[in-house]
Amino acid sequence: MFGMAKEKDRKITIQPLGDRVLVQREDADVKSPAGIIIPDTAQKEKSKQGVVIAAGPGKYGDEGDLIPMTVKAGQKVFFNSGWDNEIKIEGDDAEYFLVHESDILAVIK
């Protein structure tokens, strides 16, 4: 767990390494297009929607060349995540996930 400064206007800076991406989860619709309410358990199992907060520089290929990231801070994305990559920040109720770029399913335009 990361500590947070006492002053409210100070923010924590997290810089992902390699091909990792820091995503802040946004609440997705809890109702299907047909009007069916989706239970919490089903929502947790499906892909999540969020905003890229920061992205690492990329990963190195077999030849040692840097393969840059295709996602950038500020983009809305759908992503897969597991229970083990959620990051809790003290004093912040938002949900953050540190995922590999390959866990990003799509960019929302």
PDB file of N, CA and C in Angstrom:
ATOM      1  N   MET A   1       0.846  -1.168   0.000  1.00  0.00           N
ATOM      2  CA  MET A   1       0.000   0.000   0.000  1.00  0.00           C
ATOM      3  C   MET A   1       0.895   1.236   0.000  1.00  0.00           C
ATOM      4  N   PHE A   2       0.538   2.203  -0.784  1.00  0.00           N
ATOM      5  CA  PHE A   2       1.318   3.424  -0.884  1.00  0.00           C
ATOM      6  C   PHE A   2       0.787   4.440   0.111  1.00  0.00           C
ATOM      7  N   GLY A   3       1.680   5.180   0.743  1.00  0.00           N
ATOM      8  CA  GLY A   3       1.271   6.240   1.657  1.00  0.00           C
ATOM      9  C   GLY A   3       0.900   7.477   0.861  1.00  0.00           C
ATOM     10  N   MET A   4       0.117   8.348   1.457  1.00  0.00           N
ATOM     11  CA  MET A   4      -0.287   9.558   0.754  1.00  0.00           C
ATOM     12  C   MET A   4       0.010  10.751   1.645  1.00  0.00           C
ATOM     13  N   ALA A   5       0.459  11.823   1.047  1.00  0.00           N
ATOM     14  CA  ALA A   5       0.769  13.042   1.793  1.00  0.00           C
ATOM     15  C   ALA A   5      -0.494  13.565   2.457  1.00  0.00           C
ATOM     16  N   LYS A   6      -0.320  14.277   3.561  1.00  0.00           N
ATOM     17  CA  LYS A   6      -1.477  14.790   4.289  1.00  0.00           C
ATOM     18  C   LYS A   6      -2.155  15.931   3.564  1.00  0.00           C
ATOM     19  N   GLU A   7      -1.396  16.696   2.786  1.00  0.00           N
ATOM     20  CA  GLU A   7      -2.016  17.793   2.053  1.00  0.00           C
ATOM     21  C   GLU A   7      -2.828  17.219   0.901  1.00  0.00           C
ATOM     22  N   LYS A   8      -4.066  17.679   0.759  1.00  0.00           N
ATOM     23  CA  LYS A   8      -4.959  17.116  -0.240  1.00  0.00           C
ATOM     24  C   LYS A   8      -4.543  17.420  -1.665  1.00  0.00           C
ATOM     25  N   ASP A   9      -3.816  18.522  -1.882  1.00  0.00           N
ATOM     26  CA  ASP A   9      -3.467  18.884  -3.251  1.00  0.00           C
ATOM     27  C   ASP A   9      -2.212  18.157  -3.744  1.00  0.00           C
ATOM     28  N   ARG A  10      -1.533  17.411  -2.888  1.00  0.00           N
ATOM     29  CA  ARG A  10      -0.366  16.644  -3.316  1.00  0.00           C
ATOM     30  C   ARG A  10      -0.824  15.287  -3.801  1.00  0.00           C
ATOM     31  N   LYS A  11      -0.245  14.833  -4.904  1.00  0.00           N
ATOM     32  CA  LYS A  11      -0.618  13.544  -5.464  1.00  0.00           C
ATOM     33  C   LYS A  11       0.591  12.633  -5.511  1.00  0.00           C
ATOM     34  N   ILE A  12       0.325  11.355  -5.483  1.00  0.00           N
ATOM     35  CA  ILE A  12       1.381  10.366  -5.614  1.00  0.00           C
ATOM     36  C   ILE A  12       1.685  10.197  -7.091  1.00  0.00           C
ATOM     37  N   THR A  13       2.956  10.097  -7.405  1.00  0.00           N
ATOM     38  CA  THR A  13       3.352   9.835  -8.774  1.00  0.00           C
ATOM     39  C   THR A  13       3.841   8.402  -8.848  1.00  0.00           C
ATOM     40  N   ILE A  14       3.188   7.605  -9.659  1.00  0.00           N
ATOM     41  CA  ILE A  14       3.595   6.222  -9.872  1.00  0.00           C
ATOM     42  C   ILE A  14       3.985   6.097 -11.332  1.00  0.00           C
ATOM     43  N   GLN A  15       5.206   5.684 -11.586  1.00  0.00           N
ATOM     44  CA  GLN A  15       5.668   5.492 -12.956  1.00  0.00           C
ATOM     45  C   GLN A  15       5.813   3.993 -13.202  1.00  0.00           C
ATOM     46  N   PRO A  16       4.911   3.417 -14.008  1.00  0.00           N
ATOM     47  CA  PRO A  16       5.030   1.996 -14.322  1.00  0.00           C
ATOM     48  C   PRO A  16       6.337   1.700 -15.061  1.00  0.00           C
ATOM     49  N   LEU A  17       6.840   0.502 -14.880  1.00  0.00           N
ATOM     50  CA  LEU A  17       8.058   0.064 -15.545  1.00  0.00           C
ATOM     51  C   LEU A  17       7.725  -0.905 -16.676  1.00  0.00           C
ATOM     52  N   GLY A  18       8.620  -1.002 -17.644  1.00  0.00           N
ATOM     53  CA  GLY A  18       8.453  -1.955 -18.740  1.00  0.00           C
ATOM     54  C   GLY A  18       7.177  -1.701 -19.512  1.00  0.00           C
ATOM     55  N   ASP A  19       6.421  -2.774 -19.750  1.00  0.00           N
ATOM     56  CA  ASP A  19       5.182  -2.657 -20.529  1.00  0.00           C
ATOM     57  C   ASP A  19       3.951  -2.630 -19.630  1.00  0.00           C
ATOM     58  N   ARG A  20       4.106  -2.067 -18.448  1.00  0.00           N
ATOM     59  CA  ARG A  20       2.976  -1.994 -17.524  1.00  0.00           C
ATOM     60  C   ARG A  20       2.261  -0.651 -17.643  1.00  0.00           C
ATOM     61  N   VAL A  21       0.968  -0.684 -17.318  1.00  0.00           N
ATOM     62  CA  VAL A  21       0.102   0.483 -17.457  1.00  0.00           C
ATOM     63  C   VAL A  21      -0.682   0.653 -16.157  1.00  0.00           C
ATOM     64  N   LEU A  22      -0.719   1.873 -15.628  1.00  0.00           N
ATOM     65  CA  LEU A  22      -1.526   2.184 -14.453  1.00  0.00           C
ATOM     66  C   LEU A  22      -2.867   2.707 -14.947  1.00  0.00           C
ATOM     67  N   VAL A  23      -3.949   2.000 -14.575  1.00  0.00           N
ATOM     68  CA  VAL A  23      -5.296   2.349 -15.025  1.00  0.00           C
ATOM     69  C   VAL A  23      -6.166   2.634 -13.813  1.00  0.00           C
ATOM     70  N   GLN A  24      -6.912   3.737 -13.865  1.00  0.00           N
ATOM     71  CA  GLN A  24      -7.899   4.034 -12.827  1.00  0.00           C
ATOM     72  C   GLN A  24      -9.235   3.553 -13.345  1.00  0.00           C
ATOM     73  N   ARG A  25      -9.858   2.665 -12.591  1.00  0.00           N
ATOM     74  CA  ARG A  25     -11.132   2.088 -13.008  1.00  0.00           C
ATOM     75  C   ARG A  25     -12.234   3.130 -12.949  1.00  0.00           C
ATOM     76  N   GLU A  26     -13.075   3.112 -13.964  1.00  0.00           N
ATOM     77  CA  GLU A  26     -14.286   3.935 -13.977  1.00  0.00           C
ATOM     78  C   GLU A  26     -15.464   3.007 -13.812  1.00  0.00           C
ATOM     79  N   ASP A  27     -16.513   3.508 -13.203  1.00  0.00           N
ATOM     80  CA  ASP A  27     -17.717   2.701 -13.063  1.00  0.00           C
ATOM     81  C   ASP A  27     -18.355   2.515 -14.423  1.00  0.00           C
ATOM     82  N   ALA A  28     -18.549   1.281 -14.795  1.00  0.00           N
ATOM     83  CA  ALA A  28     -19.216   0.970 -16.056  1.00  0.00           C
ATOM     84  C   ALA A  28     -20.715   0.880 -15.800  1.00  0.00           C
ATOM     85  N   ASP A  29     -21.479   0.860 -16.874  1.00  0.00           N
ATOM     86  CA  ASP A  29     -22.925   0.721 -16.740  1.00  0.00           C
ATOM     87  C   ASP A  29     -23.246  -0.593 -16.047  1.00  0.00           C
ATOM     88  N   VAL A  30     -24.192  -0.554 -15.118  1.00  0.00           N
ATOM     89  CA  VAL A  30     -24.613  -1.763 -14.430  1.00  0.00           C
ATOM     90  C   VAL A  30     -25.889  -2.318 -15.055  1.00  0.00           C
ATOM     91  N   LYS A  31     -26.272  -1.768 -16.202  1.00  0.00           N
ATOM     92  CA  LYS A  31     -27.464  -2.223 -16.898  1.00  0.00           C
ATOM     93  C   LYS A  31     -27.079  -2.541 -18.337  1.00  0.00           C
ATOM     94  N   SER A  32     -27.546  -3.663 -18.836  1.00  0.00           N
ATOM     95  CA  SER A  32     -27.245  -4.051 -20.213  1.00  0.00           C
ATOM     96  C   SER A  32     -28.056  -3.181 -21.171  1.00  0.00           C
ATOM     97  N   PRO A  33     -27.704  -3.177 -22.476  1.00  0.00           N
ATOM     98  CA  PRO A  33     -28.482  -2.393 -23.439  1.00  0.00           C
ATOM     99  C   PRO A  33     -29.957  -2.788 -23.480  1.00  0.00           C
ATOM    100  N   ALA A  34     -30.255  -4.040 -23.113  1.00  0.00           N
ATOM    101  CA  ALA A  34     -31.642  -4.506 -23.106  1.00  0.00           C
ATOM    102  C   ALA A  34     -32.365  -4.133 -21.820  1.00  0.00           C
ATOM    103  N   GLY A  35     -31.662  -3.458 -20.896  1.00  0.00           N
ATOM    104  CA  GLY A  35     -32.287  -3.028 -19.656  1.00  0.00           C
ATOM    105  C   GLY A  35     -32.144  -4.011 -18.515  1.00  0.00           C
ATOM    106  N   ILE A  36     -31.366  -5.064 -18.706  1.00  0.00           N
ATOM    107  CA  ILE A  36     -31.164  -6.059 -17.653  1.00  0.00           C
ATOM    108  C   ILE A  36     -30.099  -5.544 -16.688  1.00  0.00           C
ATOM    109  N   ILE A  37     -30.398  -5.584 -15.402  1.00  0.00           N
ATOM    110  CA  ILE A  37     -29.432  -5.143 -14.397  1.00  0.00           C
ATOM    111  C   ILE A  37     -28.403  -6.251 -14.193  1.00  0.00           C
ATOM    112  N   ILE A  38     -27.126  -5.868 -14.291  1.00  0.00           N
ATOM    113  CA  ILE A  38     -26.033  -6.829 -14.174  1.00  0.00           C
ATOM    114  C   ILE A  38     -25.581  -6.870 -12.717  1.00  0.00           C
ATOM    115  N   PRO A  39     -25.596  -8.056 -12.070  1.00  0.00           N
ATOM    116  CA  PRO A  39     -25.195  -8.138 -10.663  1.00  0.00           C
ATOM    117  C   PRO A  39     -23.704  -7.863 -10.483  1.00  0.00           C
ATOM    118  N   ASP A  40     -23.330  -7.441  -9.260  1.00  0.00           N
ATOM    119  CA  ASP A  40     -21.932  -7.128  -8.947  1.00  0.00           C
ATOM    120  C   ASP A  40     -20.989  -8.270  -9.286  1.00  0.00           C
ATOM    121  N   THR A  41     -21.401  -9.501  -9.000  1.00  0.00           N
ATOM    122  CA  THR A  41     -20.509 -10.636  -9.246  1.00  0.00           C
ATOM    123  C   THR A  41     -20.185 -10.775 -10.725  1.00  0.00           C
ATOM    124  N   ALA A  42     -21.143 -10.541 -11.585  1.00  0.00           N
ATOM    125  CA  ALA A  42     -20.906 -10.630 -13.027  1.00  0.00           C
ATOM    126  C   ALA A  42     -20.053  -9.468 -13.505  1.00  0.00           C
ATOM    127  N   GLN A  43     -20.229  -8.304 -12.912  1.00  0.00           N
ATOM    128  CA  GLN A  43     -19.437  -7.138 -13.309  1.00  0.00           C
ATOM    129  C   GLN A  43     -17.967  -7.339 -12.983  1.00  0.00           C
ATOM    130  N   LYS A  44     -17.671  -7.951 -11.850  1.00  0.00           N
ATOM    131  CA  LYS A  44     -16.283  -8.144 -11.429  1.00  0.00           C
ATOM    132  C   LYS A  44     -15.561  -9.131 -12.339  1.00  0.00           C
ATOM    133  N   GLU A  45     -16.285 -10.090 -12.915  1.00  0.00           N
ATOM    134  CA  GLU A  45     -15.674 -11.115 -13.747  1.00  0.00           C
ATOM    135  C   GLU A  45     -15.349 -10.609 -15.144  1.00  0.00           C
ATOM    136  N   LYS A  46     -16.053  -9.636 -15.607  1.00  0.00           N
ATOM    137  CA  LYS A  46     -15.870  -9.150 -16.972  1.00  0.00           C
ATOM    138  C   LYS A  46     -14.743  -8.132 -17.044  1.00  0.00           C
ATOM    139  N   SER A  47     -14.419  -7.728 -18.263  1.00  0.00           N
ATOM    140  CA  SER A  47     -13.384  -6.713 -18.434  1.00  0.00           C
ATOM    141  C   SER A  47     -13.851  -5.411 -17.796  1.00  0.00           C
ATOM    142  N   LYS A  48     -12.891  -4.590 -17.473  1.00  0.00           N
ATOM    143  CA  LYS A  48     -13.178  -3.331 -16.800  1.00  0.00           C
ATOM    144  C   LYS A  48     -12.912  -2.165 -17.739  1.00  0.00           C
ATOM    145  N   GLN A  49     -13.484  -1.030 -17.395  1.00  0.00           N
ATOM    146  CA  GLN A  49     -13.289   0.196 -18.164  1.00  0.00           C
ATOM    147  C   GLN A  49     -12.559   1.179 -17.267  1.00  0.00           C
ATOM    148  N   GLY A  50     -11.616   1.920 -17.840  1.00  0.00           N
ATOM    149  CA  GLY A  50     -10.887   2.882 -17.037  1.00  0.00           C
ATOM    150  C   GLY A  50     -10.100   3.859 -17.880  1.00  0.00           C
ATOM    151  N   VAL A  51      -9.340   4.703 -17.183  1.00  0.00           N
ATOM    152  CA  VAL A  51      -8.518   5.725 -17.833  1.00  0.00           C
ATOM    153  C   VAL A  51      -7.057   5.419 -17.527  1.00  0.00           C
ATOM    154  N   VAL A  52      -6.226   5.484 -18.560  1.00  0.00           N
ATOM    155  CA  VAL A  52      -4.794   5.279 -18.376  1.00  0.00           C
ATOM    156  C   VAL A  52      -4.234   6.489 -17.629  1.00  0.00           C
ATOM    157  N   ILE A  53      -3.619   6.249 -16.488  1.00  0.00           N
ATOM    158  CA  ILE A  53      -3.004   7.302 -15.688  1.00  0.00           C
ATOM    159  C   ILE A  53      -1.547   7.475 -16.097  1.00  0.00           C
ATOM    160  N   ALA A  54      -0.851   6.366 -16.307  1.00  0.00           N
ATOM    161  CA  ALA A  54       0.561   6.404 -16.709  1.00  0.00           C
ATOM    162  C   ALA A  54       0.911   5.094 -17.394  1.00  0.00           C
ATOM    163  N   ALA A  55       1.907   5.143 -18.258  1.00  0.00           N
ATOM    164  CA  ALA A  55       2.372   3.946 -18.958  1.00  0.00           C
ATOM    165  C   ALA A  55       3.889   3.903 -18.914  1.00  0.00           C
ATOM    166  N   GLY A  56       4.425   2.698 -18.841  1.00  0.00           N
ATOM    167  CA  GLY A  56       5.869   2.512 -18.861  1.00  0.00           C
ATOM    168  C   GLY A  56       6.421   2.823 -20.247  1.00  0.00           C
ATOM    169  N   PRO A  57       7.737   2.738 -20.408  1.00  0.00           N
ATOM    170  CA  PRO A  57       8.364   3.067 -21.690  1.00  0.00           C
ATOM    171  C   PRO A  57       8.143   2.015 -22.766  1.00  0.00           C
ATOM    172  N   GLY A  58       7.814   0.801 -22.385  1.00  0.00           N
ATOM    173  CA  GLY A  58       7.653  -0.296 -23.334  1.00  0.00           C
ATOM    174  C   GLY A  58       8.504  -1.470 -22.902  1.00  0.00           C
ATOM    175  N   LYS A  59       8.582  -2.480 -23.773  1.00  0.00           N
ATOM    176  CA  LYS A  59       9.404  -3.638 -23.429  1.00  0.00           C
ATOM    177  C   LYS A  59      10.453  -3.846 -24.510  1.00  0.00           C
ATOM    178  N   TYR A  60      11.465  -4.602 -24.155  1.00  0.00           N
ATOM    179  CA  TYR A  60      12.552  -4.858 -25.091  1.00  0.00           C
ATOM    180  C   TYR A  60      12.291  -6.149 -25.852  1.00  0.00           C
ATOM    181  N   GLY A  61      12.487  -6.090 -27.170  1.00  0.00           N
ATOM    182  CA  GLY A  61      12.307  -7.254 -28.020  1.00  0.00           C
ATOM    183  C   GLY A  61      13.504  -8.182 -27.944  1.00  0.00           C
ATOM    184  N   ASP A  62      13.453  -9.267 -28.705  1.00  0.00           N
ATOM    185  CA  ASP A  62      14.517 -10.268 -28.708  1.00  0.00           C
ATOM    186  C   ASP A  62      15.855  -9.706 -29.172  1.00  0.00           C
ATOM    187  N   GLU A  63      15.826  -8.697 -30.018  1.00  0.00           N
ATOM    188  CA  GLU A  63      17.051  -8.089 -30.539  1.00  0.00           C
ATOM    189  C   GLU A  63      17.560  -6.955 -29.641  1.00  0.00           C
ATOM    190  N   GLY A  64      16.867  -6.702 -28.534  1.00  0.00           N
ATOM    191  CA  GLY A  64      17.285  -5.653 -27.616  1.00  0.00           C
ATOM    192  C   GLY A  64      16.736  -4.276 -27.949  1.00  0.00           C
ATOM    193  N   ASP A  65      15.853  -4.205 -28.940  1.00  0.00           N
ATOM    194  CA  ASP A  65      15.264  -2.923 -29.320  1.00  0.00           C
ATOM    195  C   ASP A  65      14.019  -2.658 -28.480  1.00  0.00           C
ATOM    196  N   LEU A  66      13.814  -1.393 -28.110  1.00  0.00           N
ATOM    197  CA  LEU A  66      12.664  -1.011 -27.293  1.00  0.00           C
ATOM    198  C   LEU A  66      11.411  -0.953 -28.158  1.00  0.00           C
ATOM    199  N   ILE A  67      10.391  -1.694 -27.753  1.00  0.00           N
ATOM    200  CA  ILE A  67       9.093  -1.668 -28.428  1.00  0.00           C
ATOM    201  C   ILE A  67       8.226  -0.704 -27.621  1.00  0.00           C
ATOM    202  N   PRO A  68       7.938   0.493 -28.170  1.00  0.00           N
ATOM    203  CA  PRO A  68       7.211   1.503 -27.393  1.00  0.00           C
ATOM    204  C   PRO A  68       5.758   1.106 -27.139  1.00  0.00           C
ATOM    205  N   MET A  69       5.180   1.725 -26.132  1.00  0.00           N
ATOM    206  CA  MET A  69       3.786   1.478 -25.766  1.00  0.00           C
ATOM    207  C   MET A  69       2.852   2.069 -26.820  1.00  0.00           C
ATOM    208  N   THR A  70       1.682   1.455 -26.962  1.00  0.00           N
ATOM    209  CA  THR A  70       0.683   1.981 -27.893  1.00  0.00           C
ATOM    210  C   THR A  70      -0.401   2.766 -27.169  1.00  0.00           C
ATOM    211  N   VAL A  71      -0.457   2.662 -25.832  1.00  0.00           N
ATOM    212  CA  VAL A  71      -1.436   3.439 -25.068  1.00  0.00           C
ATOM    213  C   VAL A  71      -0.730   4.586 -24.365  1.00  0.00           C
ATOM    214  N   LYS A  72      -1.493   5.653 -24.136  1.00  0.00           N
ATOM    215  CA  LYS A  72      -0.936   6.858 -23.514  1.00  0.00           C
ATOM    216  C   LYS A  72      -1.858   7.334 -22.391  1.00  0.00           C
ATOM    217  N   ALA A  73      -1.301   8.104 -21.483  1.00  0.00           N
ATOM    218  CA  ALA A  73      -2.075   8.670 -20.383  1.00  0.00           C
ATOM    219  C   ALA A  73      -3.252   9.465 -20.936  1.00  0.00           C
ATOM    220  N   GLY A  74      -4.408   9.301 -20.295  1.00  0.00           N
ATOM    221  CA  GLY A  74      -5.610  10.023 -20.686  1.00  0.00           C
ATOM    222  C   GLY A  74      -6.556   9.219 -21.561  1.00  0.00           C
ATOM    223  N   GLN A  75      -6.077   8.124 -22.148  1.00  0.00           N
ATOM    224  CA  GLN A  75      -6.948   7.323 -23.007  1.00  0.00           C
ATOM    225  C   GLN A  75      -7.880   6.461 -22.160  1.00  0.00           C
ATOM    226  N   LYS A  76      -9.131   6.324 -22.635  1.00  0.00           N
ATOM    227  CA  LYS A  76     -10.081   5.418 -21.996  1.00  0.00           C
ATOM    228  C   LYS A  76      -9.892   4.046 -22.624  1.00  0.00           C
ATOM    229  N   VAL A  77      -9.890   3.012 -21.780  1.00  0.00           N
ATOM    230  CA  VAL A  77      -9.621   1.663 -22.257  1.00  0.00           C
ATOM    231  C   VAL A  77     -10.526   0.641 -21.584  1.00  0.00           C
ATOM    232  N   PHE A  78     -10.668  -0.505 -22.253  1.00  0.00           N
ATOM    233  CA  PHE A  78     -11.219  -1.705 -21.633  1.00  0.00           C
ATOM    234  C   PHE A  78     -10.012  -2.570 -21.295  1.00  0.00           C
ATOM    235  N   PHE A  79     -10.006  -3.167 -20.101  1.00  0.00           N
ATOM    236  CA  PHE A  79      -8.856  -3.978 -19.710  1.00  0.00           C
ATOM    237  C   PHE A  79      -9.277  -5.177 -18.875  1.00  0.00           C
ATOM    238  N   ASN A  80      -8.465  -6.208 -18.914  1.00  0.00           N
ATOM    239  CA  ASN A  80      -8.634  -7.371 -18.050  1.00  0.00           C
ATOM    240  C   ASN A  80      -7.747  -7.183 -16.841  1.00  0.00           C
ATOM    241  N   SER A  81      -8.198  -7.660 -15.719  1.00  0.00           N
ATOM    242  CA  SER A  81      -7.368  -7.567 -14.520  1.00  0.00           C
ATOM    243  C   SER A  81      -7.714  -8.706 -13.587  1.00  0.00           C
ATOM    244  N   GLY A  82      -6.808  -8.967 -12.683  1.00  0.00           N
ATOM    245  CA  GLY A  82      -7.032  -9.976 -11.665  1.00  0.00           C
ATOM    246  C   GLY A  82      -6.992  -9.332 -10.295  1.00  0.00           C
ATOM    247  N   TRP A  83      -7.265 -10.113  -9.300  1.00  0.00           N
ATOM    248  CA  TRP A  83      -7.265  -9.588  -7.931  1.00  0.00           C
ATOM    249  C   TRP A  83      -5.868  -9.179  -7.490  1.00  0.00           C
ATOM    250  N   ASP A  84      -4.842  -9.731  -8.135  1.00  0.00           N
ATOM    251  CA  ASP A  84      -3.476  -9.503  -7.673  1.00  0.00           C
ATOM    252  C   ASP A  84      -2.825  -8.240  -8.221  1.00  0.00           C
ATOM    253  N   ASN A  85      -3.489  -7.524  -9.121  1.00  0.00           N
ATOM    254  CA  ASN A  85      -2.853  -6.326  -9.674  1.00  0.00           C
ATOM    255  C   ASN A  85      -3.585  -5.040  -9.308  1.00  0.00           C
ATOM    256  N   GLU A  86      -4.471  -5.111  -8.318  1.00  0.00           N
ATOM    257  CA  GLU A  86      -5.152  -3.903  -7.848  1.00  0.00           C
ATOM    258  C   GLU A  86      -4.239  -3.179  -6.864  1.00  0.00           C
ATOM    259  N   ILE A  87      -4.180  -1.858  -6.990  1.00  0.00           N
ATOM    260  CA  ILE A  87      -3.341  -1.038  -6.119  1.00  0.00           C
ATOM    261  C   ILE A  87      -4.248  -0.166  -5.267  1.00  0.00           C
ATOM    262  N   LYS A  88      -4.039  -0.205  -3.970  1.00  0.00           N
ATOM    263  CA  LYS A  88      -4.784   0.648  -3.042  1.00  0.00           C
ATOM    264  C   LYS A  88      -3.892   1.817  -2.655  1.00  0.00           C
ATOM    265  N   ILE A  89      -4.437   3.020  -2.706  1.00  0.00           N
ATOM    266  CA  ILE A  89      -3.703   4.214  -2.307  1.00  0.00           C
ATOM    267  C   ILE A  89      -4.416   4.807  -1.100  1.00  0.00           C
ATOM    268  N   GLU A  90      -3.690   4.940  -0.021  1.00  0.00           N
ATOM    269  CA  GLU A  90      -4.261   5.441   1.226  1.00  0.00           C
ATOM    270  C   GLU A  90      -4.879   6.815   1.009  1.00  0.00           C
ATOM    271  N   GLY A  91      -6.113   6.978   1.464  1.00  0.00           N
ATOM    272  CA  GLY A  91      -6.800   8.254   1.350  1.00  0.00           C
ATOM    273  C   GLY A  91      -7.479   8.474   0.010  1.00  0.00           C
ATOM    274  N   ASP A  92      -7.446   7.476  -0.864  1.00  0.00           N
ATOM    275  CA  ASP A  92      -8.054   7.594  -2.196  1.00  0.00           C
ATOM    276  C   ASP A  92      -8.963   6.391  -2.392  1.00  0.00           C
ATOM    277  N   ASP A  93     -10.252   6.643  -2.624  1.00  0.00           N
ATOM    278  CA  ASP A  93     -11.214   5.559  -2.776  1.00  0.00           C
ATOM    279  C   ASP A  93     -11.248   4.974  -4.180  1.00  0.00           C
ATOM    280  N   ALA A  94     -10.563   5.593  -5.123  1.00  0.00           N
ATOM    281  CA  ALA A  94     -10.572   5.103  -6.503  1.00  0.00           C
ATOM    282  C   ALA A  94      -9.874   3.751  -6.582  1.00  0.00           C
ATOM    283  N   GLU A  95     -10.258   2.963  -7.603  1.00  0.00           N
ATOM    284  CA  GLU A  95      -9.622   1.668  -7.840  1.00  0.00           C
ATOM    285  C   GLU A  95      -8.566   1.837  -8.925  1.00  0.00           C
ATOM    286  N   TYR A  96      -7.356   1.400  -8.626  1.00  0.00           N
ATOM    287  CA  TYR A  96      -6.258   1.463  -9.583  1.00  0.00           C
ATOM    288  C   TYR A  96      -5.763   0.052  -9.863  1.00  0.00           C
ATOM    289  N   PHE A  97      -5.354  -0.185 -11.107  1.00  0.00           N
ATOM    290  CA  PHE A  97      -4.821  -1.481 -11.503  1.00  0.00           C
ATOM    291  C   PHE A  97      -3.525  -1.273 -12.262  1.00  0.00           C
ATOM    292  N   LEU A  98      -2.545  -2.111 -11.986  1.00  0.00           N
ATOM    293  CA  LEU A  98      -1.279  -2.098 -12.707  1.00  0.00           C
ATOM    294  C   LEU A  98      -1.275  -3.341 -13.586  1.00  0.00           C
ATOM    295  N   VAL A  99      -1.450  -3.147 -14.890  1.00  0.00           N
ATOM    296  CA  VAL A  99      -1.601  -4.260 -15.827  1.00  0.00           C
ATOM    297  C   VAL A  99      -0.541  -4.181 -16.920  1.00  0.00           C
ATOM    298  N   HIS A 100      -0.301  -5.310 -17.566  1.00  0.00           N
ATOM    299  CA  HIS A 100       0.568  -5.320 -18.738  1.00  0.00           C
ATOM    300  C   HIS A 100      -0.208  -4.740 -19.916  1.00  0.00           C
ATOM    301  N   GLU A 101       0.503  -4.167 -20.858  1.00  0.00           N
ATOM    302  CA  GLU A 101      -0.178  -3.596 -22.022  1.00  0.00           C
ATOM    303  C   GLU A 101      -1.011  -4.655 -22.745  1.00  0.00           C
ATOM    304  N   SER A 102      -0.579  -5.898 -22.711  1.00  0.00           N
ATOM    305  CA  SER A 102      -1.334  -6.971 -23.368  1.00  0.00           C
ATOM    306  C   SER A 102      -2.685  -7.218 -22.695  1.00  0.00           C
ATOM    307  N   ASP A 103      -2.878  -6.704 -21.464  1.00  0.00           N
ATOM    308  CA  ASP A 103      -4.171  -6.813 -20.782  1.00  0.00           C
ATOM    309  C   ASP A 103      -5.143  -5.716 -21.209  1.00  0.00           C
ATOM    310  N   ILE A 104      -4.662  -4.741 -21.993  1.00  0.00           N
ATOM    311  CA  ILE A 104      -5.537  -3.702 -22.536  1.00  0.00           C
ATOM    312  C   ILE A 104      -6.224  -4.305 -23.759  1.00  0.00           C
ATOM    313  N   LEU A 105      -7.546  -4.375 -23.720  1.00  0.00           N
ATOM    314  CA  LEU A 105      -8.303  -5.008 -24.795  1.00  0.00           C
ATOM    315  C   LEU A 105      -8.636  -4.049 -25.924  1.00  0.00           C
ATOM    316  N   ALA A 106      -8.918  -2.792 -25.581  1.00  0.00           N
ATOM    317  CA  ALA A 106      -9.318  -1.821 -26.602  1.00  0.00           C
ATOM    318  C   ALA A 106      -9.219  -0.411 -26.041  1.00  0.00           C
ATOM    319  N   VAL A 107      -8.999   0.533 -26.939  1.00  0.00           N
ATOM    320  CA  VAL A 107      -9.040   1.953 -26.599  1.00  0.00           C
ATOM    321  C   VAL A 107     -10.420   2.456 -26.997  1.00  0.00           C
ATOM    322  N   ILE A 108     -11.075   3.190 -26.112  1.00  0.00           N
ATOM    323  CA  ILE A 108     -12.413   3.728 -26.373  1.00  0.00           C
ATOM    324  C   ILE A 108     -12.254   5.120 -26.962  1.00  0.00           C
ATOM    325  N   LYS A 109     -12.800   5.330 -28.144  1.00  0.00           N
ATOM    326  CA  LYS A 109     -12.689   6.644 -28.803  1.00  0.00           C
ATOM    327  C   LYS A 109     -14.009   7.361 -28.803  1.00  0.00           C
TER     328      LYS A 109
END
